[in-house]
Amino acid sequence: MNKDQAKGRMKEAIGKVQEKAGKVTGNYGQQAKGLGKQLGGKVQKTVGDIRNDAEKAEKRPDDE
């Protein structure tokens, strides 16, 4: 797991908590911020996944 994957997952978790807190308190701004953090975390995690796959592909010996 690389840095982007870890940070992305953390942002997703924080966003979920923030969204739930916004729902409980009726604060739509907090809900929206939480959803935004979740989306940002998913994007960062995906970037990390792509980077991880690219690094694995570089390390693999050629099939030629």
Protein backbone atom coordinates (compact mmCIF):
# COMPACT_ATOMS: atom_id res chain seq x y z
CA MET A 1 0.00 0.00 0.00
CA ASN A 2 1.43 3.35 -0.99
CA LYS A 3 0.96 6.77 0.56
CA ASP A 4 -1.89 7.83 -1.73
CA GLN A 5 -3.86 4.67 -1.04
CA ALA A 6 -3.53 5.12 2.72
CA LYS A 7 -4.37 8.84 2.70
CA GLY A 8 -7.30 8.24 0.38
CA ARG A 9 -8.80 5.61 2.65
CA MET A 10 -8.33 7.89 5.65
CA LYS A 11 -10.08 10.78 3.88
CA GLU A 12 -12.96 8.48 2.95
CA ALA A 13 -13.38 7.39 6.58
CA ILE A 14 -13.23 10.95 7.89
CA GLY A 15 -15.74 12.03 5.27
CA LYS A 16 -18.16 9.29 6.29
CA VAL A 17 -17.97 10.36 9.92
CA GLN A 18 -18.45 14.00 8.97
CA GLU A 19 -21.44 13.14 6.75
CA LYS A 20 -23.09 11.09 9.52
CA ALA A 21 -22.50 13.87 12.04
CA GLY A 22 -24.13 16.31 9.66
CA LYS A 23 -27.14 14.03 9.25
CA VAL A 24 -27.55 13.62 13.01
CA THR A 25 -27.34 17.34 13.68
CA GLY A 26 -29.30 18.37 10.60
CA ASN A 27 -26.35 20.38 9.31
CA TYR A 28 -26.47 20.08 5.53
CA GLY A 29 -23.18 21.93 5.15
CA GLN A 30 -21.37 19.29 7.20
CA GLN A 31 -23.05 16.55 5.18
CA ALA A 32 -21.88 18.13 1.94
CA LYS A 33 -18.33 18.58 3.25
CA GLY A 34 -18.30 14.93 4.31
CA LEU A 35 -19.46 13.78 0.90
CA GLY A 36 -16.79 15.96 -0.70
CA LYS A 37 -14.09 14.43 1.47
CA GLN A 38 -15.30 10.95 0.61
CA LEU A 39 -15.12 11.73 -3.09
CA GLY A 40 -11.67 13.27 -2.74
CA GLY A 41 -10.52 10.22 -0.80
CA LYS A 42 -11.83 7.86 -3.46
CA VAL A 43 -10.01 9.80 -6.16
CA GLN A 44 -6.75 9.79 -4.19
CA LYS A 45 -7.11 6.08 -3.43
CA THR A 46 -7.67 5.38 -7.12
CA VAL A 47 -4.57 7.37 -8.04
CA GLY A 48 -2.64 5.30 -5.51
CA ASP A 49 -4.06 2.08 -6.97
CA ILE A 50 -2.98 3.10 -10.46
CA ARG A 51 0.48 4.07 -9.22
CA ASN A 52 0.78 0.75 -7.39
CA ASP A 53 -0.23 -1.21 -10.51
CA ALA A 54 2.25 0.76 -12.62
CA GLU A 55 5.08 0.02 -10.18
CA LYS A 56 4.21 -3.68 -10.19
CA ALA A 57 4.18 -3.69 -14.00
CA GLU A 58 7.65 -2.11 -14.08
CA LYS A 59 9.05 -4.74 -11.73
CA ARG A 60 7.64 -7.66 -13.71
CA PRO A 61 10.09 -9.26 -16.15
CA ASP A 62 9.22 -8.90 -19.83
CA ASP A 63 7.33 -11.76 -21.40
CA GLU A 64 9.52 -11.61 -24.53
